[in-house]
Protein backbone atom coordinates (compact mmCIF):
# COMPACT_ATOMS: atom_id res chain seq x y z
CA UNK A 1 -143.27 37.92 -57.90
CA UNK A 2 -142.77 41.36 -56.32
CA UNK A 3 -141.73 44.66 -58.02
CA UNK A 4 -138.42 44.70 -60.24
CA UNK A 5 -135.32 45.09 -58.52
CA UNK A 6 -133.34 48.16 -59.41
CA UNK A 7 -130.36 47.60 -61.67
CA UNK A 8 -128.14 48.78 -58.70
CA UNK A 9 -128.70 46.04 -56.96
CA UNK A 10 -126.28 43.99 -59.22
CA UNK A 11 -123.88 47.16 -60.68
CA UNK A 12 -123.83 48.86 -57.49
CA UNK A 13 -124.76 46.93 -54.39
CA UNK A 14 -123.17 49.27 -51.85
CA UNK A 15 -120.79 48.72 -48.90
CA UNK A 16 -123.34 46.51 -47.11
CA UNK A 17 -125.88 44.61 -49.36
CA UNK A 18 -126.68 42.17 -46.72
CA UNK A 19 -129.53 44.16 -45.74
CA UNK A 20 -130.95 44.56 -49.16
CA UNK A 21 -130.70 40.81 -49.74
CA UNK A 22 -132.36 40.03 -46.46
CA UNK A 23 -135.32 42.14 -47.44
CA UNK A 24 -135.69 40.68 -50.78
CA UNK A 25 -135.33 37.02 -49.09
CA UNK A 26 -138.41 38.08 -46.89
CA UNK A 27 -140.51 39.07 -49.66
CA UNK A 28 -140.28 36.53 -52.28
CA UNK A 29 -137.24 34.19 -53.10
CA UNK A 30 -137.29 35.33 -56.81
CA UNK A 31 -137.48 39.00 -58.26
CA UNK A 32 -137.40 40.43 -61.71
CA UNK A 33 -134.80 42.95 -62.71
CA UNK A 34 -134.08 45.08 -65.70
CA UNK A 35 -130.41 43.97 -65.80
CA UNK A 36 -128.90 44.07 -68.55
CA UNK A 37 -131.39 46.65 -69.70
CA UNK A 38 -134.12 45.48 -71.94
CA UNK A 39 -133.78 41.79 -70.78
CA UNK A 40 -136.12 39.43 -68.83
CA UNK A 41 -133.90 38.51 -65.81
CA UNK A 42 -134.57 37.49 -62.42
CA UNK A 43 -132.63 37.40 -59.08
CA UNK A 44 -132.96 34.48 -57.13
CA UNK A 45 -132.06 35.21 -53.42
CA UNK A 46 -132.83 31.83 -51.63
CA UNK A 47 -130.27 28.91 -51.34
CA UNK A 48 -133.11 26.44 -51.85
CA UNK A 49 -134.73 28.49 -54.84
CA UNK A 50 -131.01 28.48 -56.40
CA UNK A 51 -130.53 24.81 -55.88
CA UNK A 52 -133.92 24.01 -56.96
CA UNK A 53 -133.26 26.12 -60.12
CA UNK A 54 -129.94 24.84 -61.04
CA UNK A 55 -131.58 21.18 -61.22
CA UNK A 56 -134.41 22.23 -63.37
CA UNK A 57 -133.33 21.52 -66.69
CA UNK A 58 -135.49 24.35 -68.18
CA UNK A 59 -133.04 26.78 -66.77
CA UNK A 60 -130.05 27.22 -69.02
CA UNK A 61 -127.97 29.58 -71.06
CA UNK A 62 -127.60 27.16 -73.84
CA UNK A 63 -129.07 28.84 -76.95
CA UNK A 64 -130.64 25.32 -78.27
CA UNK A 65 -132.60 25.33 -74.88
CA UNK A 66 -134.57 28.47 -75.73
CA UNK A 67 -138.11 28.37 -75.90
CA UNK A 68 -139.38 27.69 -79.81
CA UNK A 69 -142.00 29.74 -81.57
CA UNK A 70 -143.25 26.44 -83.27
CA UNK A 71 -142.58 23.01 -82.88
CA UNK A 72 -140.26 22.50 -85.75
CA UNK A 73 -138.36 26.16 -85.39
CA UNK A 74 -134.82 25.81 -83.84
CA UNK A 75 -133.15 28.98 -82.17
CA UNK A 76 -130.67 30.72 -84.39
CA UNK A 77 -127.29 32.05 -82.93
CA UNK A 78 -126.23 35.39 -83.52
CA UNK A 79 -122.53 35.73 -85.54
CA UNK A 80 -121.35 37.03 -82.06
CA UNK A 81 -122.28 33.71 -80.21
CA UNK A 82 -121.17 31.17 -82.77
CA UNK A 83 -118.09 29.29 -81.85
CA UNK A 84 -114.99 29.20 -84.03
CA UNK A 85 -114.95 26.02 -86.41
CA UNK A 86 -114.34 22.83 -84.48
CA UNK A 87 -114.91 24.27 -81.34
CA UNK A 88 -118.08 24.12 -78.96
CA UNK A 89 -119.59 26.07 -76.05
CA UNK A 90 -121.03 22.84 -74.56
CA UNK A 91 -118.63 21.19 -71.52
CA UNK A 92 -116.51 18.37 -72.28
CA UNK A 93 -117.53 14.74 -71.00
């Protein structure tokens, strides 16, 4: 993996971001980015890598898929992420 991509890549890509995207694709398909600030996030820039990532069950925004600190630990939800009673963030059947 290469150096971190600046946050401007996401928040202010400029009038023609294609050249920057092409340069990133030529270097590596996955790049670390500090966006939102303080998080561990990645920019995936090739179609093949994005397709593989979406098929990988380890990649998820679901909190119950988060890494565990011990075999019995369960991730906890912050109050902001807790759905209202009777509702779930999980997609339907």
